[in-house]
Amino acid sequence: MISEDMRSLTTEQLLEQLQELSGQHTHLRFQKALQQLQGTHQLGRTRKDIARVKTLLREYELGISERKAE
């Protein structure tokens, strides 16, 4: 997901996205452990998406970044 798309989401949607990505990351880790994961690049991509969402949430919390008018 692109950062501009993430910035258009509300805080509640970002939290839902974070929960979904965390579950997906856990599932991918289990697949890798069982040697069933075909594309290992998915792990890194998911981890980076989690970091992006957490960064946006923290920016909003600290007031560094202002939410766009909806």
PDB file of N, CA and C in Angstrom:
ATOM      1  N   MET A   1       0.841  -1.170   0.000  1.00  0.00           N
ATOM      2  CA  MET A   1       0.000   0.000   0.000  1.00  0.00           C
ATOM      3  C   MET A   1       0.891   1.240   0.000  1.00  0.00           C
ATOM      4  N   ILE A   2       0.524   2.213  -0.780  1.00  0.00           N
ATOM      5  CA  ILE A   2       1.310   3.432  -0.924  1.00  0.00           C
ATOM      6  C   ILE A   2       0.992   4.385   0.228  1.00  0.00           C
ATOM      7  N   SER A   3       1.971   5.153   0.633  1.00  0.00           N
ATOM      8  CA  SER A   3       1.835   6.057   1.774  1.00  0.00           C
ATOM      9  C   SER A   3       0.697   7.056   1.596  1.00  0.00           C
ATOM     10  N   GLU A   4       0.478   7.581   0.384  1.00  0.00           N
ATOM     11  CA  GLU A   4      -0.608   8.533   0.151  1.00  0.00           C
ATOM     12  C   GLU A   4      -1.954   7.876   0.413  1.00  0.00           C
ATOM     13  N   ASP A   5      -2.077   6.599   0.055  1.00  0.00           N
ATOM     14  CA  ASP A   5      -3.314   5.867   0.320  1.00  0.00           C
ATOM     15  C   ASP A   5      -3.516   5.698   1.816  1.00  0.00           C
ATOM     16  N   MET A   6      -2.442   5.445   2.526  1.00  0.00           N
ATOM     17  CA  MET A   6      -2.534   5.268   3.974  1.00  0.00           C
ATOM     18  C   MET A   6      -2.917   6.566   4.667  1.00  0.00           C
ATOM     19  N   ARG A   7      -2.430   7.681   4.186  1.00  0.00           N
ATOM     20  CA  ARG A   7      -2.726   8.968   4.816  1.00  0.00           C
ATOM     21  C   ARG A   7      -4.197   9.346   4.671  1.00  0.00           C
ATOM     22  N   SER A   8      -4.891   8.757   3.705  1.00  0.00           N
ATOM     23  CA  SER A   8      -6.306   9.071   3.520  1.00  0.00           C
ATOM     24  C   SER A   8      -7.199   8.254   4.457  1.00  0.00           C
ATOM     25  N   LEU A   9      -6.642   7.270   5.159  1.00  0.00           N
ATOM     26  CA  LEU A   9      -7.418   6.435   6.068  1.00  0.00           C
ATOM     27  C   LEU A   9      -7.585   7.116   7.424  1.00  0.00           C
ATOM     28  N   THR A  10      -8.686   6.799   8.095  1.00  0.00           N
ATOM     29  CA  THR A  10      -8.903   7.315   9.443  1.00  0.00           C
ATOM     30  C   THR A  10      -8.062   6.508  10.430  1.00  0.00           C
ATOM     31  N   THR A  11      -7.966   6.981  11.656  1.00  0.00           N
ATOM     32  CA  THR A  11      -7.192   6.291  12.681  1.00  0.00           C
ATOM     33  C   THR A  11      -7.742   4.896  12.937  1.00  0.00           C
ATOM     34  N   GLU A  12      -9.070   4.772  12.961  1.00  0.00           N
ATOM     35  CA  GLU A  12      -9.679   3.461  13.182  1.00  0.00           C
ATOM     36  C   GLU A  12      -9.343   2.503  12.047  1.00  0.00           C
ATOM     37  N   GLN A  13      -9.361   3.009  10.817  1.00  0.00           N
ATOM     38  CA  GLN A  13      -9.023   2.177   9.668  1.00  0.00           C
ATOM     39  C   GLN A  13      -7.557   1.770   9.706  1.00  0.00           C
ATOM     40  N   LEU A  14      -6.688   2.686  10.152  1.00  0.00           N
ATOM     41  CA  LEU A  14      -5.272   2.360  10.282  1.00  0.00           C
ATOM     42  C   LEU A  14      -5.048   1.269  11.324  1.00  0.00           C
ATOM     43  N   LEU A  15      -5.797   1.340  12.430  1.00  0.00           N
ATOM     44  CA  LEU A  15      -5.675   0.311  13.460  1.00  0.00           C
ATOM     45  C   LEU A  15      -6.163  -1.043  12.952  1.00  0.00           C
ATOM     46  N   GLU A  16      -7.246  -1.043  12.165  1.00  0.00           N
ATOM     47  CA  GLU A  16      -7.734  -2.279  11.563  1.00  0.00           C
ATOM     48  C   GLU A  16      -6.699  -2.834  10.587  1.00  0.00           C
ATOM     49  N   GLN A  17      -6.108  -1.950   9.792  1.00  0.00           N
ATOM     50  CA  GLN A  17      -5.079  -2.356   8.835  1.00  0.00           C
ATOM     51  C   GLN A  17      -3.880  -2.957   9.558  1.00  0.00           C
ATOM     52  N   LEU A  18      -3.501  -2.350  10.684  1.00  0.00           N
ATOM     53  CA  LEU A  18      -2.379  -2.852  11.472  1.00  0.00           C
ATOM     54  C   LEU A  18      -2.672  -4.249  11.996  1.00  0.00           C
ATOM     55  N   GLN A  19      -3.877  -4.462  12.482  1.00  0.00           N
ATOM     56  CA  GLN A  19      -4.258  -5.773  12.997  1.00  0.00           C
ATOM     57  C   GLN A  19      -4.258  -6.816  11.873  1.00  0.00           C
ATOM     58  N   GLU A  20      -4.768  -6.439  10.716  1.00  0.00           N
ATOM     59  CA  GLU A  20      -4.802  -7.354   9.573  1.00  0.00           C
ATOM     60  C   GLU A  20      -3.389  -7.709   9.114  1.00  0.00           C
ATOM     61  N   LEU A  21      -2.517  -6.708   9.030  1.00  0.00           N
ATOM     62  CA  LEU A  21      -1.142  -6.942   8.601  1.00  0.00           C
ATOM     63  C   LEU A  21      -0.377  -7.799   9.599  1.00  0.00           C
ATOM     64  N   SER A  22      -0.640  -7.603  10.887  1.00  0.00           N
ATOM     65  CA  SER A  22       0.027  -8.413  11.908  1.00  0.00           C
ATOM     66  C   SER A  22      -0.382  -9.873  11.790  1.00  0.00           C
ATOM     67  N   GLY A  23      -1.661 -10.120  11.558  1.00  0.00           N
ATOM     68  CA  GLY A  23      -2.136 -11.484  11.363  1.00  0.00           C
ATOM     69  C   GLY A  23      -1.552 -12.112  10.110  1.00  0.00           C
ATOM     70  N   GLN A  24      -1.465 -11.335   9.055  1.00  0.00           N
ATOM     71  CA  GLN A  24      -0.887 -11.819   7.802  1.00  0.00           C
ATOM     72  C   GLN A  24       0.591 -12.147   7.992  1.00  0.00           C
ATOM     73  N   HIS A  25       1.304 -11.306   8.727  1.00  0.00           N
ATOM     74  CA  HIS A  25       2.728 -11.540   8.970  1.00  0.00           C
ATOM     75  C   HIS A  25       2.939 -12.825   9.773  1.00  0.00           C
ATOM     76  N   THR A  26       2.101 -13.036  10.774  1.00  0.00           N
ATOM     77  CA  THR A  26       2.190 -14.265  11.571  1.00  0.00           C
ATOM     78  C   THR A  26       1.945 -15.488  10.692  1.00  0.00           C
ATOM     79  N   HIS A  27       0.940 -15.402   9.845  1.00  0.00           N
ATOM     80  CA  HIS A  27       0.632 -16.517   8.944  1.00  0.00           C
ATOM     81  C   HIS A  27       1.807 -16.813   8.005  1.00  0.00           C
ATOM     82  N   LEU A  28       2.413 -15.761   7.472  1.00  0.00           N
ATOM     83  CA  LEU A  28       3.562 -15.943   6.574  1.00  0.00           C
ATOM     84  C   LEU A  28       4.752 -16.563   7.308  1.00  0.00           C
ATOM     85  N   ARG A  29       4.947 -16.163   8.572  1.00  0.00           N
ATOM     86  CA  ARG A  29       6.047 -16.740   9.349  1.00  0.00           C
ATOM     87  C   ARG A  29       5.838 -18.232   9.571  1.00  0.00           C
ATOM     88  N   PHE A  30       4.598 -18.630   9.841  1.00  0.00           N
ATOM     89  CA  PHE A  30       4.303 -20.050  10.013  1.00  0.00           C
ATOM     90  C   PHE A  30       4.536 -20.809   8.709  1.00  0.00           C
ATOM     91  N   GLN A  31       4.118 -20.227   7.595  1.00  0.00           N
ATOM     92  CA  GLN A  31       4.340 -20.874   6.304  1.00  0.00           C
ATOM     93  C   GLN A  31       5.831 -21.050   6.026  1.00  0.00           C
ATOM     94  N   LYS A  32       6.613 -20.041   6.369  1.00  0.00           N
ATOM     95  CA  LYS A  32       8.056 -20.132   6.151  1.00  0.00           C
ATOM     96  C   LYS A  32       8.664 -21.224   7.024  1.00  0.00           C
ATOM     97  N   ALA A  33       8.207 -21.309   8.274  1.00  0.00           N
ATOM     98  CA  ALA A  33       8.732 -22.324   9.187  1.00  0.00           C
ATOM     99  C   ALA A  33       8.401 -23.729   8.703  1.00  0.00           C
ATOM    100  N   LEU A  34       7.257 -23.878   8.069  1.00  0.00           N
ATOM    101  CA  LEU A  34       6.851 -25.188   7.552  1.00  0.00           C
ATOM    102  C   LEU A  34       7.337 -25.422   6.129  1.00  0.00           C
ATOM    103  N   GLN A  35       8.113 -24.488   5.617  1.00  0.00           N
ATOM    104  CA  GLN A  35       8.683 -24.546   4.272  1.00  0.00           C
ATOM    105  C   GLN A  35       7.597 -24.650   3.197  1.00  0.00           C
ATOM    106  N   GLN A  36       6.518 -23.901   3.400  1.00  0.00           N
ATOM    107  CA  GLN A  36       5.427 -23.855   2.430  1.00  0.00           C
ATOM    108  C   GLN A  36       5.333 -22.499   1.743  1.00  0.00           C
ATOM    109  N   LEU A  37       6.185 -21.564   2.120  1.00  0.00           N
ATOM    110  CA  LEU A  37       6.128 -20.208   1.577  1.00  0.00           C
ATOM    111  C   LEU A  37       6.914 -20.145   0.272  1.00  0.00           C
ATOM    112  N   GLN A  38       6.234 -19.726  -0.795  1.00  0.00           N
ATOM    113  CA  GLN A  38       6.878 -19.647  -2.101  1.00  0.00           C
ATOM    114  C   GLN A  38       7.665 -18.351  -2.277  1.00  0.00           C
ATOM    115  N   GLY A  39       7.037 -17.224  -1.963  1.00  0.00           N
ATOM    116  CA  GLY A  39       7.696 -15.928  -2.149  1.00  0.00           C
ATOM    117  C   GLY A  39       8.094 -15.335  -0.811  1.00  0.00           C
ATOM    118  N   THR A  40       9.346 -15.494  -0.445  1.00  0.00           N
ATOM    119  CA  THR A  40       9.788 -15.001   0.864  1.00  0.00           C
ATOM    120  C   THR A  40       9.826 -13.474   0.918  1.00  0.00           C
ATOM    121  N   HIS A  41       9.753 -12.811  -0.226  1.00  0.00           N
ATOM    122  CA  HIS A  41       9.740 -11.349  -0.243  1.00  0.00           C
ATOM    123  C   HIS A  41       8.486 -10.789   0.425  1.00  0.00           C
ATOM    124  N   GLN A  42       7.446 -11.600   0.530  1.00  0.00           N
ATOM    125  CA  GLN A  42       6.201 -11.160   1.153  1.00  0.00           C
ATOM    126  C   GLN A  42       6.405 -10.829   2.625  1.00  0.00           C
ATOM    127  N   LEU A  43       7.300 -11.533   3.286  1.00  0.00           N
ATOM    128  CA  LEU A  43       7.582 -11.265   4.702  1.00  0.00           C
ATOM    129  C   LEU A  43       8.124  -9.850   4.886  1.00  0.00           C
ATOM    130  N   GLY A  44       9.091  -9.470   4.094  1.00  0.00           N
ATOM    131  CA  GLY A  44       9.689  -8.138   4.198  1.00  0.00           C
ATOM    132  C   GLY A  44       8.707  -7.047   3.836  1.00  0.00           C
ATOM    133  N   ARG A  45       7.914  -7.284   2.817  1.00  0.00           N
ATOM    134  CA  ARG A  45       6.929  -6.295   2.388  1.00  0.00           C
ATOM    135  C   ARG A  45       5.882  -6.072   3.477  1.00  0.00           C
ATOM    136  N   THR A  46       5.432  -7.152   4.093  1.00  0.00           N
ATOM    137  CA  THR A  46       4.435  -7.043   5.154  1.00  0.00           C
ATOM    138  C   THR A  46       5.014  -6.325   6.369  1.00  0.00           C
ATOM    139  N   ARG A  47       6.247  -6.656   6.725  1.00  0.00           N
ATOM    140  CA  ARG A  47       6.900  -6.015   7.865  1.00  0.00           C
ATOM    141  C   ARG A  47       7.055  -4.510   7.626  1.00  0.00           C
ATOM    142  N   LYS A  48       7.387  -4.123   6.411  1.00  0.00           N
ATOM    143  CA  LYS A  48       7.540  -2.702   6.093  1.00  0.00           C
ATOM    144  C   LYS A  48       6.198  -1.978   6.094  1.00  0.00           C
ATOM    145  N   ASP A  49       5.127  -2.656   5.650  1.00  0.00           N
ATOM    146  CA  ASP A  49       3.796  -2.050   5.699  1.00  0.00           C
ATOM    147  C   ASP A  49       3.364  -1.820   7.144  1.00  0.00           C
ATOM    148  N   ILE A  50       3.686  -2.769   8.023  1.00  0.00           N
ATOM    149  CA  ILE A  50       3.376  -2.615   9.442  1.00  0.00           C
ATOM    150  C   ILE A  50       4.105  -1.391   9.992  1.00  0.00           C
ATOM    151  N   ALA A  51       5.367  -1.235   9.628  1.00  0.00           N
ATOM    152  CA  ALA A  51       6.158  -0.101  10.090  1.00  0.00           C
ATOM    153  C   ALA A  51       5.576   1.215   9.575  1.00  0.00           C
ATOM    154  N   ARG A  52       5.088   1.232   8.331  1.00  0.00           N
ATOM    155  CA  ARG A  52       4.499   2.450   7.777  1.00  0.00           C
ATOM    156  C   ARG A  52       3.249   2.861   8.545  1.00  0.00           C
ATOM    157  N   VAL A  53       2.402   1.879   8.840  1.00  0.00           N
ATOM    158  CA  VAL A  53       1.168   2.175   9.569  1.00  0.00           C
ATOM    159  C   VAL A  53       1.493   2.681  10.975  1.00  0.00           C
ATOM    160  N   LYS A  54       2.441   2.022  11.648  1.00  0.00           N
ATOM    161  CA  LYS A  54       2.823   2.451  12.993  1.00  0.00           C
ATOM    162  C   LYS A  54       3.423   3.849  12.979  1.00  0.00           C
ATOM    163  N   THR A  55       4.186   4.172  11.956  1.00  0.00           N
ATOM    164  CA  THR A  55       4.784   5.497  11.835  1.00  0.00           C
ATOM    165  C   THR A  55       3.708   6.565  11.676  1.00  0.00           C
ATOM    166  N   LEU A  56       2.721   6.300  10.820  1.00  0.00           N
ATOM    167  CA  LEU A  56       1.628   7.267  10.642  1.00  0.00           C
ATOM    168  C   LEU A  56       0.851   7.473  11.931  1.00  0.00           C
ATOM    169  N   LEU A  57       0.557   6.388  12.630  1.00  0.00           N
ATOM    170  CA  LEU A  57      -0.175   6.509  13.888  1.00  0.00           C
ATOM    171  C   LEU A  57       0.620   7.337  14.902  1.00  0.00           C
ATOM    172  N   ARG A  58       1.921   7.114  14.954  1.00  0.00           N
ATOM    173  CA  ARG A  58       2.767   7.854  15.897  1.00  0.00           C
ATOM    174  C   ARG A  58       2.865   9.327  15.507  1.00  0.00           C
ATOM    175  N   GLU A  59       2.949   9.626  14.200  1.00  0.00           N
ATOM    176  CA  GLU A  59       2.985  11.017  13.744  1.00  0.00           C
ATOM    177  C   GLU A  59       1.714  11.750  14.142  1.00  0.00           C
ATOM    178  N   TYR A  60       0.565  11.092  13.983  1.00  0.00           N
ATOM    179  CA  TYR A  60      -0.697  11.717  14.368  1.00  0.00           C
ATOM    180  C   TYR A  60      -0.760  11.916  15.876  1.00  0.00           C
ATOM    181  N   GLU A  61      -0.236  10.959  16.627  1.00  0.00           N
ATOM    182  CA  GLU A  61      -0.239  11.039  18.088  1.00  0.00           C
ATOM    183  C   GLU A  61       0.600  12.213  18.576  1.00  0.00           C
ATOM    184  N   LEU A  62       1.758  12.411  17.963  1.00  0.00           N
ATOM    185  CA  LEU A  62       2.661  13.485  18.383  1.00  0.00           C
ATOM    186  C   LEU A  62       2.306  14.832  17.764  1.00  0.00           C
ATOM    187  N   GLY A  63       1.420  14.837  16.786  1.00  0.00           N
ATOM    188  CA  GLY A  63       1.050  16.077  16.131  1.00  0.00           C
ATOM    189  C   GLY A  63       2.050  16.531  15.076  1.00  0.00           C
ATOM    190  N   ILE A  64       2.937  15.648  14.683  1.00  0.00           N
ATOM    191  CA  ILE A  64       3.935  15.977  13.663  1.00  0.00           C
ATOM    192  C   ILE A  64       3.253  16.150  12.304  1.00  0.00           C
ATOM    193  N   SER A  65       2.316  15.284  12.042  1.00  0.00           N
ATOM    194  CA  SER A  65       1.615  15.282  10.761  1.00  0.00           C
ATOM    195  C   SER A  65       0.138  15.524  11.031  1.00  0.00           C
ATOM    196  N   GLU A  66      -0.451  16.422  10.254  1.00  0.00           N
ATOM    197  CA  GLU A  66      -1.861  16.747  10.418  1.00  0.00           C
ATOM    198  C   GLU A  66      -2.703  15.879   9.482  1.00  0.00           C
ATOM    199  N   ARG A  67      -3.830  15.463   9.982  1.00  0.00           N
ATOM    200  CA  ARG A  67      -4.747  14.671   9.181  1.00  0.00           C
ATOM    201  C   ARG A  67      -5.434  15.596   8.171  1.00  0.00           C
ATOM    202  N   LYS A  68      -5.602  15.094   6.938  1.00  0.00           N
ATOM    203  CA  LYS A  68      -6.290  15.879   5.907  1.00  0.00           C
ATOM    204  C   LYS A  68      -7.767  15.977   6.244  1.00  0.00           C
ATOM    205  N   ALA A  69      -8.387  17.070   5.808  1.00  0.00           N
ATOM    206  CA  ALA A  69      -9.826  17.230   6.035  1.00  0.00           C
ATOM    207  C   ALA A  69     -10.581  16.194   5.226  1.00  0.00           C
ATOM    208  N   GLU A  70     -11.568  15.590   5.853  1.00  0.00           N
ATOM    209  CA  GLU A  70     -12.325  14.527   5.178  1.00  0.00           C
ATOM    210  C   GLU A  70     -13.651  15.040   4.702  1.00  0.00           C
TER     211      GLU A  70
END
